[in-house]
Amino acid sequence: MKRIYFLHGFMGTGQTHFEPQLTYFKTDYDVILLDLPGHGASETDAVADYIDQATDYVLEQMKKTGPGYLVGLSLGASLSLQIALQAPTLVAGVVLTGYTPDVPEELTDIMAQQYTYFLEIDQHQPDVAEQFAALHGNRWKTTMQHVLYQMTFRYPVMTKETLADLTIPLHILNGTDQAYEVDGASRLQKDYPATEIDLIADAGHTANLDQPESFNKRLEQILSRSY
């Protein structure tokens, strides 16, 4: 059976970020919902060098379970590209959503402010902090700090040079409502012309959750013709 690995975003889990996809694809595909280090049911705690840690973590799971298609949301999208570059024989193709290959200069200050805000989320939004604790346990603050720091100040930027060795099919299913991600998709396509872009209307950063029916149909089309 064809296999899909779904890689969730920041402070989510495989189940919370990809429930509509699990329901839709589980009959015809071997659907793997991984909880990344520090998240959900993962027994591995997050460390400071999070991108490298999470990349190695997913690669180890793929080596045990077998090759497949990678579908990544936000943080999971960044990891998907890292994995495809390191182990192309394990990756049939990559679908990115909620993704940009870099952080636009006009957003750097905003992201720095968000970093500070999230580190104090239990003061600003205690209900959200409670949800994080319920999903990830007492380690949630440490996980958040490590992931946020990397994605804010050490974002895994993709350039033409970085992508030079990429050979697998690459698709972007960003939402039309997130302008910087729409622009980011175009920048990635410019550096990696084989990229296919199919924007999801009336959807934002989490297009797969905002418009699951449209997202699932587009993803199914991609898988059916390239996997």
N, C-alpha and C. Protein backbone atom coordinates (compact mmCIF):
# COMPACT_ATOMS: atom_id res chain seq x y z
N MET A 1 0.84 -1.20 0.00
CA MET A 1 0.00 0.00 0.00
C MET A 1 0.88 1.25 0.00
N LYS A 2 0.49 2.26 -0.78
CA LYS A 2 1.23 3.51 -0.83
C LYS A 2 1.15 4.23 0.52
N ARG A 3 2.24 4.90 0.85
CA ARG A 3 2.38 5.45 2.21
C ARG A 3 2.48 6.98 2.19
N ILE A 4 1.79 7.61 3.15
CA ILE A 4 1.88 9.07 3.32
C ILE A 4 2.30 9.37 4.76
N TYR A 5 3.36 10.14 4.90
CA TYR A 5 3.76 10.66 6.21
C TYR A 5 3.25 12.09 6.34
N PHE A 6 2.45 12.35 7.36
CA PHE A 6 1.97 13.70 7.63
C PHE A 6 2.77 14.29 8.79
N LEU A 7 3.40 15.44 8.54
CA LEU A 7 4.23 16.10 9.56
C LEU A 7 3.55 17.39 10.00
N HIS A 8 3.18 17.45 11.26
CA HIS A 8 2.37 18.55 11.78
C HIS A 8 3.17 19.82 12.00
N GLY A 9 2.46 20.88 12.38
CA GLY A 9 3.07 22.17 12.63
C GLY A 9 3.37 22.42 14.10
N PHE A 10 3.79 23.64 14.38
CA PHE A 10 4.18 24.08 15.71
C PHE A 10 3.08 23.85 16.75
N MET A 11 3.43 23.13 17.82
CA MET A 11 2.56 22.86 18.96
C MET A 11 1.29 22.10 18.60
N GLY A 12 1.33 21.41 17.48
CA GLY A 12 0.23 20.52 17.12
C GLY A 12 0.64 19.08 17.28
N THR A 13 -0.18 18.18 16.81
CA THR A 13 0.14 16.75 16.76
C THR A 13 -0.31 16.23 15.39
N GLY A 14 0.08 15.01 15.08
CA GLY A 14 -0.39 14.44 13.84
C GLY A 14 -1.90 14.39 13.78
N GLN A 15 -2.51 14.03 14.89
CA GLN A 15 -3.97 13.90 14.94
C GLN A 15 -4.67 15.24 14.85
N THR A 16 -4.23 16.23 15.63
CA THR A 16 -4.94 17.51 15.66
C THR A 16 -4.77 18.30 14.36
N HIS A 17 -3.64 18.16 13.70
CA HIS A 17 -3.40 18.93 12.48
C HIS A 17 -3.81 18.21 11.20
N PHE A 18 -4.04 16.89 11.29
CA PHE A 18 -4.34 16.16 10.05
C PHE A 18 -5.51 15.19 10.17
N GLU A 19 -6.40 15.42 11.11
CA GLU A 19 -7.56 14.54 11.27
C GLU A 19 -8.39 14.43 9.98
N PRO A 20 -8.69 15.54 9.27
CA PRO A 20 -9.49 15.41 8.03
C PRO A 20 -8.77 14.59 6.96
N GLN A 21 -7.45 14.65 6.94
CA GLN A 21 -6.70 13.87 5.95
C GLN A 21 -6.65 12.40 6.32
N LEU A 22 -6.51 12.11 7.61
CA LEU A 22 -6.54 10.72 8.06
C LEU A 22 -7.84 10.05 7.65
N THR A 23 -8.94 10.70 7.93
CA THR A 23 -10.25 10.14 7.60
C THR A 23 -10.40 9.89 6.10
N TYR A 24 -9.89 10.82 5.30
CA TYR A 24 -10.07 10.76 3.85
C TYR A 24 -9.16 9.71 3.19
N PHE A 25 -7.93 9.59 3.65
CA PHE A 25 -6.94 8.78 2.94
C PHE A 25 -6.67 7.41 3.56
N LYS A 26 -7.18 7.14 4.76
CA LYS A 26 -6.76 5.93 5.46
C LYS A 26 -7.19 4.63 4.78
N THR A 27 -8.21 4.66 3.95
CA THR A 27 -8.67 3.44 3.29
C THR A 27 -7.71 2.99 2.19
N ASP A 28 -7.19 3.94 1.42
CA ASP A 28 -6.38 3.61 0.26
C ASP A 28 -4.88 3.80 0.46
N TYR A 29 -4.50 4.39 1.59
CA TYR A 29 -3.09 4.66 1.84
C TYR A 29 -2.70 4.22 3.25
N ASP A 30 -1.43 3.91 3.40
CA ASP A 30 -0.87 3.69 4.73
C ASP A 30 -0.53 5.07 5.29
N VAL A 31 -1.40 5.60 6.14
CA VAL A 31 -1.26 6.95 6.66
C VAL A 31 -0.47 6.93 7.97
N ILE A 32 0.64 7.66 7.99
CA ILE A 32 1.49 7.73 9.17
C ILE A 32 1.39 9.14 9.74
N LEU A 33 0.82 9.27 10.93
CA LEU A 33 0.75 10.55 11.62
C LEU A 33 1.83 10.57 12.71
N LEU A 34 2.90 11.26 12.44
CA LEU A 34 4.00 11.31 13.40
C LEU A 34 3.85 12.49 14.35
N ASP A 35 4.11 12.26 15.64
CA ASP A 35 4.24 13.34 16.59
C ASP A 35 5.73 13.66 16.72
N LEU A 36 6.09 14.89 16.39
CA LEU A 36 7.49 15.29 16.40
C LEU A 36 8.02 15.39 17.83
N PRO A 37 9.35 15.42 18.01
CA PRO A 37 9.93 15.50 19.36
C PRO A 37 9.32 16.64 20.17
N GLY A 38 8.98 16.33 21.41
CA GLY A 38 8.39 17.32 22.30
C GLY A 38 6.90 17.52 22.13
N HIS A 39 6.32 16.86 21.17
CA HIS A 39 4.91 17.05 20.85
C HIS A 39 4.11 15.76 21.08
N GLY A 40 2.89 15.92 21.55
CA GLY A 40 1.96 14.81 21.63
C GLY A 40 2.50 13.58 22.32
N ALA A 41 2.38 12.44 21.63
CA ALA A 41 2.76 11.16 22.22
C ALA A 41 4.23 10.80 22.01
N SER A 42 4.99 11.67 21.36
CA SER A 42 6.41 11.38 21.14
C SER A 42 7.12 11.22 22.48
N GLU A 43 7.92 10.18 22.60
CA GLU A 43 8.68 9.94 23.83
C GLU A 43 9.99 10.71 23.85
N THR A 44 10.30 11.39 22.75
CA THR A 44 11.53 12.16 22.64
C THR A 44 11.26 13.63 22.95
N ASP A 45 12.00 14.19 23.90
CA ASP A 45 11.84 15.59 24.25
C ASP A 45 12.58 16.49 23.26
N ALA A 46 12.10 17.70 23.11
CA ALA A 46 12.73 18.67 22.21
C ALA A 46 14.05 19.15 22.78
N VAL A 47 15.01 19.42 21.88
CA VAL A 47 16.29 20.00 22.27
C VAL A 47 16.48 21.32 21.52
N ALA A 48 17.54 22.04 21.89
CA ALA A 48 17.75 23.38 21.33
C ALA A 48 17.95 23.35 19.81
N ASP A 49 18.70 22.38 19.32
CA ASP A 49 18.95 22.28 17.87
C ASP A 49 17.79 21.50 17.23
N TYR A 50 16.62 22.12 17.24
CA TYR A 50 15.39 21.37 16.99
C TYR A 50 15.25 20.88 15.56
N ILE A 51 15.58 21.68 14.58
CA ILE A 51 15.37 21.28 13.18
C ILE A 51 16.18 20.03 12.87
N ASP A 52 17.44 20.02 13.27
CA ASP A 52 18.28 18.84 13.03
C ASP A 52 17.72 17.64 13.80
N GLN A 53 17.32 17.87 15.04
CA GLN A 53 16.78 16.77 15.85
C GLN A 53 15.53 16.17 15.21
N ALA A 54 14.59 17.02 14.83
CA ALA A 54 13.33 16.53 14.28
C ALA A 54 13.53 15.87 12.92
N THR A 55 14.45 16.41 12.13
CA THR A 55 14.76 15.79 10.83
C THR A 55 15.29 14.38 11.04
N ASP A 56 16.25 14.23 11.93
CA ASP A 56 16.80 12.90 12.21
C ASP A 56 15.74 11.96 12.77
N TYR A 57 14.86 12.51 13.60
CA TYR A 57 13.79 11.71 14.21
C TYR A 57 12.87 11.13 13.14
N VAL A 58 12.45 11.96 12.21
CA VAL A 58 11.55 11.48 11.16
C VAL A 58 12.27 10.49 10.24
N LEU A 59 13.51 10.79 9.93
CA LEU A 59 14.28 9.89 9.07
C LEU A 59 14.39 8.49 9.69
N GLU A 60 14.61 8.43 10.99
CA GLU A 60 14.69 7.13 11.67
C GLU A 60 13.37 6.38 11.55
N GLN A 61 12.25 7.09 11.69
CA GLN A 61 10.95 6.45 11.55
C GLN A 61 10.74 5.94 10.13
N MET A 62 11.17 6.72 9.15
CA MET A 62 10.99 6.33 7.75
C MET A 62 11.87 5.14 7.38
N LYS A 63 13.06 5.09 7.95
CA LYS A 63 13.94 3.95 7.68
C LYS A 63 13.34 2.66 8.22
N LYS A 64 12.62 2.75 9.34
CA LYS A 64 11.97 1.58 9.92
C LYS A 64 10.71 1.17 9.16
N THR A 65 9.93 2.17 8.75
CA THR A 65 8.61 1.90 8.17
C THR A 65 8.65 1.78 6.66
N GLY A 66 9.52 2.56 6.00
CA GLY A 66 9.63 2.48 4.56
C GLY A 66 9.37 3.82 3.89
N PRO A 67 9.73 3.92 2.60
CA PRO A 67 9.58 5.17 1.85
C PRO A 67 8.12 5.60 1.75
N GLY A 68 7.92 6.88 1.46
CA GLY A 68 6.57 7.38 1.29
C GLY A 68 6.56 8.82 0.84
N TYR A 69 5.36 9.35 0.67
CA TYR A 69 5.16 10.76 0.34
C TYR A 69 5.14 11.55 1.63
N LEU A 70 5.73 12.74 1.62
CA LEU A 70 5.73 13.62 2.79
C LEU A 70 4.75 14.77 2.57
N VAL A 71 3.86 14.96 3.53
CA VAL A 71 2.95 16.11 3.50
C VAL A 71 3.21 16.88 4.79
N GLY A 72 3.73 18.10 4.67
CA GLY A 72 4.13 18.86 5.83
C GLY A 72 3.40 20.18 5.95
N LEU A 73 2.99 20.50 7.16
CA LEU A 73 2.33 21.77 7.47
C LEU A 73 3.29 22.66 8.26
N SER A 74 3.59 23.85 7.73
CA SER A 74 4.38 24.85 8.45
C SER A 74 5.72 24.28 8.92
N LEU A 75 5.92 24.07 10.21
CA LEU A 75 7.13 23.43 10.71
C LEU A 75 7.37 22.10 9.99
N GLY A 76 6.32 21.32 9.84
CA GLY A 76 6.43 20.04 9.15
C GLY A 76 6.83 20.17 7.70
N ALA A 77 6.46 21.30 7.07
CA ALA A 77 6.86 21.56 5.69
C ALA A 77 8.36 21.80 5.60
N SER A 78 8.88 22.60 6.51
CA SER A 78 10.33 22.84 6.55
C SER A 78 11.09 21.53 6.75
N LEU A 79 10.59 20.70 7.65
CA LEU A 79 11.24 19.41 7.90
C LEU A 79 11.18 18.51 6.67
N SER A 80 10.06 18.56 5.95
CA SER A 80 9.90 17.71 4.77
C SER A 80 10.99 17.99 3.74
N LEU A 81 11.30 19.26 3.55
CA LEU A 81 12.36 19.60 2.59
C LEU A 81 13.73 19.15 3.09
N GLN A 82 13.97 19.32 4.38
CA GLN A 82 15.25 18.85 4.94
C GLN A 82 15.41 17.34 4.72
N ILE A 83 14.34 16.60 4.94
CA ILE A 83 14.38 15.15 4.79
C ILE A 83 14.60 14.76 3.34
N ALA A 84 13.89 15.44 2.42
CA ALA A 84 14.03 15.14 1.00
C ALA A 84 15.46 15.41 0.51
N LEU A 85 16.10 16.42 1.05
CA LEU A 85 17.48 16.73 0.65
C LEU A 85 18.46 15.72 1.21
N GLN A 86 18.18 15.23 2.42
CA GLN A 86 19.11 14.29 3.06
C GLN A 86 18.92 12.85 2.61
N ALA A 87 17.69 12.46 2.34
CA ALA A 87 17.41 11.05 2.01
C ALA A 87 16.40 10.94 0.88
N PRO A 88 16.76 11.35 -0.33
CA PRO A 88 15.80 11.36 -1.45
C PRO A 88 15.25 9.97 -1.79
N THR A 89 15.98 8.91 -1.49
CA THR A 89 15.49 7.58 -1.82
C THR A 89 14.32 7.15 -0.93
N LEU A 90 14.14 7.84 0.20
CA LEU A 90 13.03 7.52 1.09
C LEU A 90 11.78 8.34 0.78
N VAL A 91 11.93 9.34 -0.10
CA VAL A 91 10.86 10.31 -0.32
C VAL A 91 10.34 10.21 -1.76
N ALA A 92 9.07 9.81 -1.87
CA ALA A 92 8.45 9.71 -3.20
C ALA A 92 8.10 11.08 -3.75
N GLY A 93 7.85 12.02 -2.87
CA GLY A 93 7.49 13.38 -3.25
C GLY A 93 7.13 14.17 -2.01
N VAL A 94 7.00 15.48 -2.17
CA VAL A 94 6.72 16.36 -1.03
C VAL A 94 5.58 17.31 -1.37
N VAL A 95 4.65 17.45 -0.42
CA VAL A 95 3.59 18.46 -0.51
C VAL A 95 3.73 19.38 0.69
N LEU A 96 3.83 20.68 0.42
CA LEU A 96 4.00 21.68 1.46
C LEU A 96 2.74 22.51 1.59
N THR A 97 2.36 22.83 2.81
CA THR A 97 1.25 23.75 3.04
C THR A 97 1.58 24.63 4.24
N GLY A 98 1.07 25.87 4.22
CA GLY A 98 1.44 26.81 5.27
C GLY A 98 2.92 27.10 5.26
N TYR A 99 3.50 27.22 4.04
CA TYR A 99 4.96 27.26 3.94
C TYR A 99 5.45 28.48 3.16
N THR A 100 6.60 28.98 3.60
CA THR A 100 7.37 29.96 2.85
C THR A 100 8.84 29.58 2.95
N PRO A 101 9.62 29.75 1.87
CA PRO A 101 11.02 29.31 1.90
C PRO A 101 11.93 30.21 2.71
N ASP A 102 11.42 31.39 3.09
CA ASP A 102 12.21 32.32 3.89
C ASP A 102 11.24 33.22 4.66
N VAL A 103 11.80 34.05 5.51
CA VAL A 103 10.98 35.01 6.26
C VAL A 103 11.17 36.39 5.63
N PRO A 104 10.12 36.95 5.04
CA PRO A 104 10.25 38.29 4.44
C PRO A 104 10.75 39.30 5.47
N GLU A 105 11.58 40.23 5.02
CA GLU A 105 12.18 41.20 5.92
C GLU A 105 11.15 41.97 6.72
N GLU A 106 10.01 42.26 6.07
CA GLU A 106 8.99 43.04 6.76
C GLU A 106 8.31 42.27 7.89
N LEU A 107 8.55 40.96 7.98
CA LEU A 107 7.94 40.17 9.03
C LEU A 107 8.88 39.85 10.18
N THR A 108 10.15 40.20 10.06
CA THR A 108 11.12 39.79 11.08
C THR A 108 10.80 40.40 12.44
N ASP A 109 10.44 41.67 12.46
CA ASP A 109 10.11 42.31 13.74
C ASP A 109 8.83 41.72 14.33
N ILE A 110 7.86 41.45 13.48
CA ILE A 110 6.60 40.86 13.95
C ILE A 110 6.84 39.48 14.55
N MET A 111 7.69 38.70 13.89
CA MET A 111 7.97 37.36 14.40
C MET A 111 8.72 37.43 15.73
N ALA A 112 9.60 38.39 15.88
CA ALA A 112 10.32 38.55 17.14
C ALA A 112 9.34 38.91 18.27
N GLN A 113 8.36 39.74 17.95
CA GLN A 113 7.35 40.09 18.94
C GLN A 113 6.49 38.88 19.30
N GLN A 114 6.16 38.09 18.28
CA GLN A 114 5.38 36.88 18.53
C GLN A 114 6.15 35.89 19.38
N TYR A 115 7.46 35.83 19.18
CA TYR A 115 8.31 34.95 19.98
C TYR A 115 8.15 35.27 21.47
N THR A 116 8.27 36.55 21.80
CA THR A 116 8.13 36.99 23.19
C THR A 116 6.72 36.71 23.71
N TYR A 117 5.74 36.99 22.87
CA TYR A 117 4.34 36.80 23.28
C TYR A 117 4.06 35.33 23.60
N PHE A 118 4.52 34.44 22.73
CA PHE A 118 4.24 33.02 22.93
C PHE A 118 4.96 32.47 24.16
N LEU A 119 6.12 32.98 24.47
CA LEU A 119 6.84 32.50 25.65
C LEU A 119 6.08 32.84 26.93
N GLU A 120 5.18 33.81 26.84
CA GLU A 120 4.37 34.18 27.99
C GLU A 120 2.89 33.88 27.74
N ILE A 121 2.63 32.88 26.93
CA ILE A 121 1.26 32.57 26.51
C ILE A 121 0.37 32.18 27.69
N ASP A 122 0.96 31.61 28.73
CA ASP A 122 0.15 31.23 29.88
C ASP A 122 -0.38 32.44 30.63
N GLN A 123 0.25 33.60 30.43
CA GLN A 123 -0.24 34.84 31.03
C GLN A 123 -1.26 35.53 30.13
N HIS A 124 -1.02 35.48 28.82
CA HIS A 124 -1.89 36.17 27.86
C HIS A 124 -3.16 35.37 27.54
N GLN A 125 -2.96 34.07 27.33
CA GLN A 125 -4.07 33.21 26.93
C GLN A 125 -3.98 31.88 27.71
N PRO A 126 -4.39 31.89 28.96
CA PRO A 126 -4.27 30.68 29.78
C PRO A 126 -5.03 29.48 29.21
N ASP A 127 -6.09 29.72 28.46
CA ASP A 127 -6.83 28.61 27.87
C ASP A 127 -5.99 27.89 26.81
N VAL A 128 -5.22 28.67 26.05
CA VAL A 128 -4.33 28.06 25.05
C VAL A 128 -3.21 27.29 25.74
N ALA A 129 -2.67 27.86 26.81
CA ALA A 129 -1.63 27.17 27.58
C ALA A 129 -2.15 25.84 28.12
N GLU A 130 -3.38 25.82 28.56
CA GLU A 130 -3.99 24.58 29.06
C GLU A 130 -4.12 23.55 27.95
N GLN A 131 -4.46 24.00 26.76
CA GLN A 131 -4.55 23.08 25.62
C GLN A 131 -3.19 22.50 25.29
N PHE A 132 -2.15 23.35 25.31
CA PHE A 132 -0.79 22.86 25.05
C PHE A 132 -0.38 21.82 26.09
N ALA A 133 -0.68 22.09 27.34
CA ALA A 133 -0.33 21.16 28.42
C ALA A 133 -1.06 19.83 28.25
N ALA A 134 -2.32 19.91 27.83
CA ALA A 134 -3.10 18.69 27.63
C ALA A 134 -2.54 17.85 26.47
N LEU A 135 -2.06 18.52 25.44
CA LEU A 135 -1.53 17.82 24.27
C LEU A 135 -0.11 17.29 24.49
N HIS A 136 0.73 18.09 25.15
CA HIS A 136 2.16 17.80 25.18
C HIS A 136 2.73 17.54 26.57
N GLY A 137 1.91 17.68 27.61
CA GLY A 137 2.39 17.44 28.96
C GLY A 137 3.17 18.62 29.52
N ASN A 138 3.85 18.38 30.63
CA ASN A 138 4.56 19.44 31.33
C ASN A 138 5.74 20.01 30.53
N ARG A 139 6.14 19.33 29.50
CA ARG A 139 7.29 19.78 28.70
C ARG A 139 6.92 20.83 27.66
N TRP A 140 5.66 21.21 27.60
CA TRP A 140 5.19 22.04 26.50
C TRP A 140 5.93 23.37 26.39
N LYS A 141 6.30 23.97 27.52
CA LYS A 141 7.00 25.25 27.47
C LYS A 141 8.40 25.11 26.87
N THR A 142 9.08 24.04 27.26
CA THR A 142 10.42 23.80 26.72
C THR A 142 10.35 23.55 25.22
N THR A 143 9.37 22.73 24.82
CA THR A 143 9.18 22.46 23.39
C THR A 143 8.93 23.76 22.64
N MET A 144 8.03 24.56 23.15
CA MET A 144 7.68 25.81 22.49
C MET A 144 8.89 26.72 22.34
N GLN A 145 9.67 26.84 23.40
CA GLN A 145 10.84 27.71 23.37
C GLN A 145 11.84 27.27 22.30
N HIS A 146 12.15 25.98 22.26
CA HIS A 146 13.14 25.48 21.30
C HIS A 146 12.65 25.65 19.86
N VAL A 147 11.40 25.28 19.61
CA VAL A 147 10.87 25.37 18.24
C VAL A 147 10.76 26.83 17.81
N LEU A 148 10.21 27.65 18.68
CA LEU A 148 10.04 29.07 18.35
C LEU A 148 11.37 29.74 18.05
N TYR A 149 12.37 29.45 18.85
CA TYR A 149 13.66 30.10 18.65
C TYR A 149 14.22 29.77 17.27
N GLN A 150 14.15 28.49 16.90
CA GLN A 150 14.68 28.09 15.61
C GLN A 150 13.88 28.70 14.45
N MET A 151 12.57 28.64 14.54
CA MET A 151 11.73 29.12 13.44
C MET A 151 11.70 30.65 13.36
N THR A 152 12.07 31.32 14.46
CA THR A 152 12.09 32.79 14.46
C THR A 152 13.46 33.34 14.09
N PHE A 153 14.51 32.81 14.70
CA PHE A 153 15.83 33.39 14.55
C PHE A 153 16.80 32.54 13.71
N ARG A 154 16.45 31.28 13.46
CA ARG A 154 17.31 30.41 12.64
C ARG A 154 16.46 29.66 11.63
N TYR A 155 15.59 30.39 10.97
CA TYR A 155 14.66 29.77 10.02
C TYR A 155 15.43 29.01 8.94
N PRO A 156 15.02 27.77 8.64
CA PRO A 156 15.72 26.97 7.62
C PRO A 156 15.41 27.47 6.20
N VAL A 157 16.09 28.52 5.81
CA VAL A 157 15.85 29.18 4.52
C VAL A 157 16.21 28.25 3.36
N MET A 158 15.37 28.27 2.33
CA MET A 158 15.63 27.51 1.11
C MET A 158 15.98 28.48 -0.02
N THR A 159 17.11 28.26 -0.65
CA THR A 159 17.56 29.09 -1.76
C THR A 159 17.81 28.21 -2.99
N LYS A 160 18.13 28.85 -4.09
CA LYS A 160 18.43 28.10 -5.31
C LYS A 160 19.60 27.14 -5.07
N GLU A 161 20.59 27.61 -4.33
CA GLU A 161 21.75 26.78 -4.03
C GLU A 161 21.37 25.61 -3.12
N THR A 162 20.54 25.90 -2.11
CA THR A 162 20.11 24.85 -1.18
C THR A 162 19.34 23.76 -1.90
N LEU A 163 18.53 24.18 -2.88
CA LEU A 163 17.64 23.24 -3.56
C LEU A 163 18.29 22.57 -4.77
N ALA A 164 19.55 22.88 -5.03
CA ALA A 164 20.21 22.40 -6.25
C ALA A 164 20.21 20.88 -6.36
N ASP A 165 20.28 20.18 -5.24
CA ASP A 165 20.37 18.72 -5.28
C ASP A 165 19.01 18.04 -5.15
N LEU A 166 17.94 18.83 -5.08
CA LEU A 166 16.61 18.26 -4.93
C LEU A 166 16.14 17.67 -6.26
N THR A 167 15.62 16.45 -6.22
CA THR A 167 15.21 15.78 -7.45
C THR A 167 13.79 15.23 -7.40
N ILE A 168 13.12 15.36 -6.25
CA ILE A 168 11.81 14.74 -6.10
C ILE A 168 10.69 15.71 -6.51
N PRO A 169 9.48 15.18 -6.79
CA PRO A 169 8.35 16.06 -7.09
C PRO A 169 8.02 16.94 -5.88
N LEU A 170 7.78 18.23 -6.14
CA LEU A 170 7.51 19.18 -5.08
C LEU A 170 6.25 19.97 -5.40
N HIS A 171 5.31 19.99 -4.46
CA HIS A 171 4.03 20.67 -4.66
C HIS A 171 3.75 21.58 -3.47
N ILE A 172 3.12 22.72 -3.75
CA ILE A 172 2.73 23.65 -2.69
C ILE A 172 1.22 23.85 -2.73
N LEU A 173 0.59 23.62 -1.59
CA LEU A 173 -0.85 23.83 -1.46
C LEU A 173 -1.11 24.87 -0.37
N ASN A 174 -0.62 26.08 -0.58
CA ASN A 174 -0.83 27.16 0.38
C ASN A 174 -2.23 27.76 0.22
N GLY A 175 -2.70 28.43 1.26
CA GLY A 175 -3.98 29.11 1.20
C GLY A 175 -3.86 30.49 0.57
N THR A 176 -4.89 30.91 -0.15
CA THR A 176 -4.85 32.21 -0.84
C THR A 176 -4.90 33.38 0.13
N ASP A 177 -5.38 33.17 1.35
CA ASP A 177 -5.56 34.28 2.29
C ASP A 177 -4.29 34.69 3.01
N GLN A 178 -3.23 33.91 2.87
CA GLN A 178 -1.96 34.22 3.54
C GLN A 178 -1.01 34.78 2.48
N ALA A 179 -0.99 36.10 2.33
CA ALA A 179 -0.30 36.73 1.21
C ALA A 179 1.19 36.38 1.16
N TYR A 180 1.87 36.42 2.30
CA TYR A 180 3.32 36.17 2.26
C TYR A 180 3.63 34.71 1.90
N GLU A 181 2.69 33.80 2.16
CA GLU A 181 2.89 32.41 1.75
C GLU A 181 2.59 32.21 0.27
N VAL A 182 1.67 32.98 -0.27
CA VAL A 182 1.43 32.96 -1.71
C VAL A 182 2.68 33.46 -2.43
N ASP A 183 3.24 34.57 -1.94
CA ASP A 183 4.47 35.10 -2.53
C ASP A 183 5.63 34.13 -2.34
N GLY A 184 5.68 33.50 -1.16
CA GLY A 184 6.75 32.54 -0.89
C GLY A 184 6.73 31.36 -1.82
N ALA A 185 5.54 30.91 -2.17
CA ALA A 185 5.41 29.79 -3.12
C ALA A 185 6.01 30.17 -4.46
N SER A 186 5.77 31.39 -4.90
CA SER A 186 6.32 31.86 -6.17
C SER A 186 7.84 31.95 -6.12
N ARG A 187 8.37 32.41 -4.98
CA ARG A 187 9.82 32.49 -4.85
C ARG A 187 10.46 31.11 -4.89
N LEU A 188 9.81 30.15 -4.25
CA LEU A 188 10.35 28.79 -4.27
C LEU A 188 10.31 28.21 -5.68
N GLN A 189 9.24 28.46 -6.40
CA GLN A 189 9.11 27.97 -7.77
C GLN A 189 10.19 28.58 -8.67
N LYS A 190 10.52 29.83 -8.41
CA LYS A 190 11.57 30.49 -9.19
C LYS A 190 12.91 29.81 -8.98
N ASP A 191 13.19 29.40 -7.74
CA ASP A 191 14.46 28.75 -7.43
C ASP A 191 14.45 27.26 -7.76
N TYR A 192 13.26 26.66 -7.76
CA TYR A 192 13.11 25.23 -8.09
C TYR A 192 11.95 25.12 -9.07
N PRO A 193 12.23 25.35 -10.38
CA PRO A 193 11.16 25.45 -11.39
C PRO A 193 10.24 24.24 -11.48
N ALA A 194 10.68 23.09 -11.00
CA ALA A 194 9.82 21.90 -11.05
C ALA A 194 8.69 21.95 -10.03
N THR A 195 8.69 22.96 -9.17
CA THR A 195 7.64 23.11 -8.16
C THR A 195 6.28 23.35 -8.82
N GLU A 196 5.27 22.65 -8.36
CA GLU A 196 3.89 22.88 -8.80
C GLU A 196 3.13 23.58 -7.68
N ILE A 197 2.43 24.65 -8.02
CA ILE A 197 1.67 25.43 -7.04
C ILE A 197 0.18 25.29 -7.33
N ASP A 198 -0.58 24.98 -6.31
CA ASP A 198 -2.03 24.90 -6.44
C ASP A 198 -2.63 25.49 -5.17
N LEU A 199 -3.00 26.77 -5.23
CA LEU A 199 -3.46 27.48 -4.05
C LEU A 199 -4.89 27.09 -3.68
N ILE A 200 -5.14 27.03 -2.38
CA ILE A 200 -6.45 26.67 -1.87
C ILE A 200 -7.23 27.94 -1.53
N ALA A 201 -8.35 28.15 -2.23
CA ALA A 201 -9.12 29.37 -2.05
C ALA A 201 -9.76 29.45 -0.66
N ASP A 202 -9.86 30.68 -0.15
CA ASP A 202 -10.52 30.95 1.13
C ASP A 202 -9.90 30.15 2.27
N ALA A 203 -8.59 30.02 2.23
CA ALA A 203 -7.87 29.30 3.28
C ALA A 203 -6.65 30.11 3.69
N GLY A 204 -6.23 29.94 4.94
CA GLY A 204 -5.09 30.66 5.46
C GLY A 204 -3.89 29.75 5.66
N HIS A 205 -3.22 29.93 6.81
CA HIS A 205 -1.98 29.20 7.10
C HIS A 205 -2.22 27.70 7.19
N THR A 206 -3.36 27.30 7.72
CA THR A 206 -3.68 25.86 7.84
C THR A 206 -4.74 25.49 6.79
N ALA A 207 -4.34 25.53 5.54
CA ALA A 207 -5.29 25.30 4.44
C ALA A 207 -5.94 23.92 4.53
N ASN A 208 -5.20 22.93 5.03
CA ASN A 208 -5.75 21.58 5.12
C ASN A 208 -6.87 21.47 6.14
N LEU A 209 -6.89 22.39 7.11
CA LEU A 209 -7.96 22.43 8.11
C LEU A 209 -9.04 23.45 7.75
N ASP A 210 -8.62 24.53 7.10
CA ASP A 210 -9.58 25.57 6.72
C ASP A 210 -10.53 25.10 5.62
N GLN A 211 -9.96 24.40 4.65
CA GLN A 211 -10.75 23.91 3.51
C GLN A 211 -10.37 22.44 3.24
N PRO A 212 -10.72 21.55 4.16
CA PRO A 212 -10.26 20.15 4.04
C PRO A 212 -10.74 19.45 2.78
N GLU A 213 -11.96 19.72 2.34
CA GLU A 213 -12.47 19.04 1.15
C GLU A 213 -11.64 19.41 -0.09
N SER A 214 -11.41 20.70 -0.27
CA SER A 214 -10.60 21.15 -1.42
C SER A 214 -9.17 20.64 -1.31
N PHE A 215 -8.60 20.73 -0.11
CA PHE A 215 -7.23 20.28 0.09
C PHE A 215 -7.10 18.79 -0.22
N ASN A 216 -8.01 17.99 0.30
CA ASN A 216 -7.93 16.55 0.10
C ASN A 216 -8.05 16.16 -1.37
N LYS A 217 -8.92 16.83 -2.08
CA LYS A 217 -9.09 16.52 -3.50
C LYS A 217 -7.84 16.87 -4.29
N ARG A 218 -7.25 18.04 -3.97
CA ARG A 218 -6.00 18.42 -4.66
C ARG A 218 -4.88 17.45 -4.32
N LEU A 219 -4.78 17.09 -3.05
CA LEU A 219 -3.74 16.15 -2.64
C LEU A 219 -3.93 14.80 -3.30
N GLU A 220 -5.16 14.34 -3.39
CA GLU A 220 -5.43 13.06 -4.05
C GLU A 220 -5.02 13.10 -5.50
N GLN A 221 -5.26 14.20 -6.19
CA GLN A 221 -4.85 14.34 -7.58
C GLN A 221 -3.33 14.27 -7.72
N ILE A 222 -2.64 14.93 -6.81
CA ILE A 222 -1.18 14.91 -6.83
C ILE A 222 -0.66 13.49 -6.64
N LEU A 223 -1.20 12.81 -5.65
CA LEU A 223 -0.73 11.46 -5.34
C LEU A 223 -1.05 10.48 -6.47
N SER A 224 -2.21 10.60 -7.06
CA SER A 224 -2.64 9.65 -8.08
C SER A 224 -1.81 9.75 -9.35
N ARG A 225 -1.29 10.93 -9.65
CA ARG A 225 -0.53 11.06 -10.90
C ARG A 225 0.99 11.01 -10.71
N SER A 226 1.45 11.09 -9.46
CA SER A 226 2.89 11.14 -9.28
C SER A 226 3.41 10.10 -8.29
N TYR A 227 2.52 9.26 -7.76
CA TYR A 227 2.95 8.29 -6.76
C TYR A 227 2.43 6.93 -7.18
